[in-house]
Amino acid sequence: MVNWCELTVTTADGQVTYHNSFATNYPLSDENVAEVVRAGLTRWKVENENNNTLKTKGYHLEHNFGHGKQHLSSLLATLNILSLLFHTLLELLDNKYQLLRAHL
């Protein structure tokens, strides 16, 4: 089951300044809809800031790194993200990796 709500912010003259919709599996009511929307906005903010970091803080993921004809930038971005995934998994699951990181 999926529930849906929508947020539209307008100025006094009726001009729309913000519009978004949110889908959730939580039951919606008058008492909790504001909290669900706030959580959706927070999630959007986190994802947006993450993407902004990947684009502007040295990762250069929107660029093609100056090499390749078509797909090299996608491959390099994928390898970058996979390396972060493996570091996270090793940090959580591998005792030797955890000891090494603690030592370093």
C-alpha atoms as a PDB file:
ATOM      1  CA  MET A   1       0.000   0.000   0.000  1.00  0.00           C
ATOM      2  CA  VAL A   2       1.303   3.438  -0.916  1.00  0.00           C
ATOM      3  CA  ASN A   3       0.126   6.775   0.424  1.00  0.00           C
ATOM      4  CA  TRP A   4       0.766  10.043  -1.315  1.00  0.00           C
ATOM      5  CA  CYS A   5       0.743  13.702  -0.297  1.00  0.00           C
ATOM      6  CA  GLU A   6       1.628  16.933  -2.034  1.00  0.00           C
ATOM      7  CA  LEU A   7       3.097  20.243  -0.878  1.00  0.00           C
ATOM      8  CA  THR A   8       2.607  23.485  -2.778  1.00  0.00           C
ATOM      9  CA  VAL A   9       3.923  26.794  -1.441  1.00  0.00           C
ATOM     10  CA  THR A  10       2.514  29.960  -2.986  1.00  0.00           C
ATOM     11  CA  THR A  11       2.963  33.684  -2.540  1.00  0.00           C
ATOM     12  CA  ALA A  12       0.096  35.948  -1.493  1.00  0.00           C
ATOM     13  CA  ASP A  13      -0.720  36.641  -5.159  1.00  0.00           C
ATOM     14  CA  GLY A  14      -0.946  32.899  -5.951  1.00  0.00           C
ATOM     15  CA  GLN A  15       2.442  32.391  -7.631  1.00  0.00           C
ATOM     16  CA  VAL A  16       3.820  28.883  -6.932  1.00  0.00           C
ATOM     17  CA  THR A  17       7.272  29.064  -5.338  1.00  0.00           C
ATOM     18  CA  TYR A  18       7.659  25.372  -4.441  1.00  0.00           C
ATOM     19  CA  HIS A  19       5.867  22.168  -5.419  1.00  0.00           C
ATOM     20  CA  ASN A  20       6.680  18.567  -4.565  1.00  0.00           C
ATOM     21  CA  SER A  21       4.909  15.296  -3.840  1.00  0.00           C
ATOM     22  CA  PHE A  22       5.828  12.453  -1.534  1.00  0.00           C
ATOM     23  CA  ALA A  23       4.985   8.736  -1.571  1.00  0.00           C
ATOM     24  CA  THR A  24       5.213   6.695   1.618  1.00  0.00           C
ATOM     25  CA  ASN A  25       4.117   3.431   3.112  1.00  0.00           C
ATOM     26  CA  TYR A  26       3.234   5.193   6.390  1.00  0.00           C
ATOM     27  CA  PRO A  27      -0.453   5.803   7.032  1.00  0.00           C
ATOM     28  CA  LEU A  28      -1.200   9.521   6.548  1.00  0.00           C
ATOM     29  CA  SER A  29      -3.485  11.554   8.763  1.00  0.00           C
ATOM     30  CA  ASP A  30      -4.018  15.207   9.633  1.00  0.00           C
ATOM     31  CA  GLU A  31      -1.782  14.669  12.663  1.00  0.00           C
ATOM     32  CA  ASN A  32       1.279  13.230  10.881  1.00  0.00           C
ATOM     33  CA  VAL A  33       1.240  14.580   7.321  1.00  0.00           C
ATOM     34  CA  ALA A  34       3.403  17.605   8.224  1.00  0.00           C
ATOM     35  CA  GLU A  35       6.010  15.288   9.770  1.00  0.00           C
ATOM     36  CA  VAL A  36       6.004  13.028   6.681  1.00  0.00           C
ATOM     37  CA  VAL A  37       6.486  16.046   4.395  1.00  0.00           C
ATOM     38  CA  ARG A  38       9.291  17.354   6.637  1.00  0.00           C
ATOM     39  CA  ALA A  39      11.013  13.937   6.427  1.00  0.00           C
ATOM     40  CA  GLY A  40      10.639  13.954   2.624  1.00  0.00           C
ATOM     41  CA  LEU A  41      12.132  17.439   2.406  1.00  0.00           C
ATOM     42  CA  THR A  42      15.017  16.385   4.640  1.00  0.00           C
ATOM     43  CA  ARG A  43      15.716  13.328   2.504  1.00  0.00           C
ATOM     44  CA  TRP A  44      15.681  15.471  -0.653  1.00  0.00           C
ATOM     45  CA  LYS A  45      18.087  17.930   0.996  1.00  0.00           C
ATOM     46  CA  VAL A  46      20.521  15.166   1.988  1.00  0.00           C
ATOM     47  CA  GLU A  47      20.462  13.617  -1.498  1.00  0.00           C
ATOM     48  CA  ASN A  48      20.851  17.010  -3.167  1.00  0.00           C
ATOM     49  CA  GLU A  49      23.798  17.969  -0.946  1.00  0.00           C
ATOM     50  CA  ASN A  50      25.415  14.569  -1.557  1.00  0.00           C
ATOM     51  CA  ASN A  51      25.158  14.998  -5.327  1.00  0.00           C
ATOM     52  CA  ASN A  52      26.466  18.550  -5.037  1.00  0.00           C
ATOM     53  CA  THR A  53      29.478  17.262  -3.084  1.00  0.00           C
ATOM     54  CA  LEU A  54      30.206  14.616  -5.715  1.00  0.00           C
ATOM     55  CA  LYS A  55      30.078  17.289  -8.426  1.00  0.00           C
ATOM     56  CA  THR A  56      31.969  20.145  -6.761  1.00  0.00           C
ATOM     57  CA  LYS A  57      34.387  18.794  -4.144  1.00  0.00           C
ATOM     58  CA  GLY A  58      37.018  17.173  -6.325  1.00  0.00           C
ATOM     59  CA  TYR A  59      35.181  14.074  -7.514  1.00  0.00           C
ATOM     60  CA  HIS A  60      34.428  15.656 -10.932  1.00  0.00           C
ATOM     61  CA  LEU A  61      31.629  13.194 -11.567  1.00  0.00           C
ATOM     62  CA  GLU A  62      29.826  15.445 -14.032  1.00  0.00           C
ATOM     63  CA  HIS A  63      32.931  15.682 -16.219  1.00  0.00           C
ATOM     64  CA  ASN A  64      34.409  13.057 -18.529  1.00  0.00           C
ATOM     65  CA  PHE A  65      37.917  13.383 -17.048  1.00  0.00           C
ATOM     66  CA  GLY A  66      39.160  14.419 -20.503  1.00  0.00           C
ATOM     67  CA  HIS A  67      39.434  10.847 -21.787  1.00  0.00           C
ATOM     68  CA  GLY A  68      37.332   8.383 -23.708  1.00  0.00           C
ATOM     69  CA  LYS A  69      34.775   8.754 -26.434  1.00  0.00           C
ATOM     70  CA  GLN A  70      31.460   7.796 -24.808  1.00  0.00           C
ATOM     71  CA  HIS A  71      31.323   5.877 -21.556  1.00  0.00           C
ATOM     72  CA  LEU A  72      34.591   6.364 -19.673  1.00  0.00           C
ATOM     73  CA  SER A  73      33.188   8.973 -17.288  1.00  0.00           C
ATOM     74  CA  SER A  74      30.331   6.629 -16.339  1.00  0.00           C
ATOM     75  CA  LEU A  75      32.790   3.790 -15.765  1.00  0.00           C
ATOM     76  CA  LEU A  76      35.035   5.950 -13.575  1.00  0.00           C
ATOM     77  CA  ALA A  77      32.058   7.224 -11.587  1.00  0.00           C
ATOM     78  CA  THR A  78      30.863   3.651 -11.074  1.00  0.00           C
ATOM     79  CA  LEU A  79      34.304   2.552  -9.891  1.00  0.00           C
ATOM     80  CA  ASN A  80      34.434   5.534  -7.530  1.00  0.00           C
ATOM     81  CA  ILE A  81      31.078   4.643  -5.992  1.00  0.00           C
ATOM     82  CA  LEU A  82      31.964   0.929  -5.792  1.00  0.00           C
ATOM     83  CA  SER A  83      35.177   1.765  -3.928  1.00  0.00           C
ATOM     84  CA  LEU A  84      33.168   3.720  -1.351  1.00  0.00           C
ATOM     85  CA  LEU A  85      30.764   0.783  -1.044  1.00  0.00           C
ATOM     86  CA  PHE A  86      33.588  -1.704  -0.477  1.00  0.00           C
ATOM     87  CA  HIS A  87      35.247   0.538   2.121  1.00  0.00           C
ATOM     88  CA  THR A  88      31.936   0.758   3.964  1.00  0.00           C
ATOM     89  CA  LEU A  89      31.340  -3.004   3.803  1.00  0.00           C
ATOM     90  CA  LEU A  90      34.866  -3.774   4.965  1.00  0.00           C
ATOM     91  CA  GLU A  91      34.516  -1.282   7.810  1.00  0.00           C
ATOM     92  CA  LEU A  92      31.330  -3.031   8.946  1.00  0.00           C
ATOM     93  CA  LEU A  93      32.160  -6.692   8.310  1.00  0.00           C
ATOM     94  CA  ASP A  94      35.899  -7.428   8.171  1.00  0.00           C
ATOM     95  CA  ASN A  95      37.762  -7.731  11.490  1.00  0.00           C
ATOM     96  CA  LYS A  96      41.240  -7.501   9.923  1.00  0.00           C
ATOM     97  CA  TYR A  97      40.253  -4.349   8.028  1.00  0.00           C
ATOM     98  CA  GLN A  98      38.846  -2.837  11.231  1.00  0.00           C
ATOM     99  CA  LEU A  99      42.068  -3.608  13.104  1.00  0.00           C
ATOM    100  CA  LEU A 100      44.184  -2.133  10.315  1.00  0.00           C
ATOM    101  CA  ARG A 101      42.095   1.043  10.222  1.00  0.00           C
ATOM    102  CA  ALA A 102      42.259   1.341  14.014  1.00  0.00           C
ATOM    103  CA  HIS A 103      46.040   0.924  13.899  1.00  0.00           C
ATOM    104  CA  LEU A 104      46.500   3.481  11.125  1.00  0.00           C
END
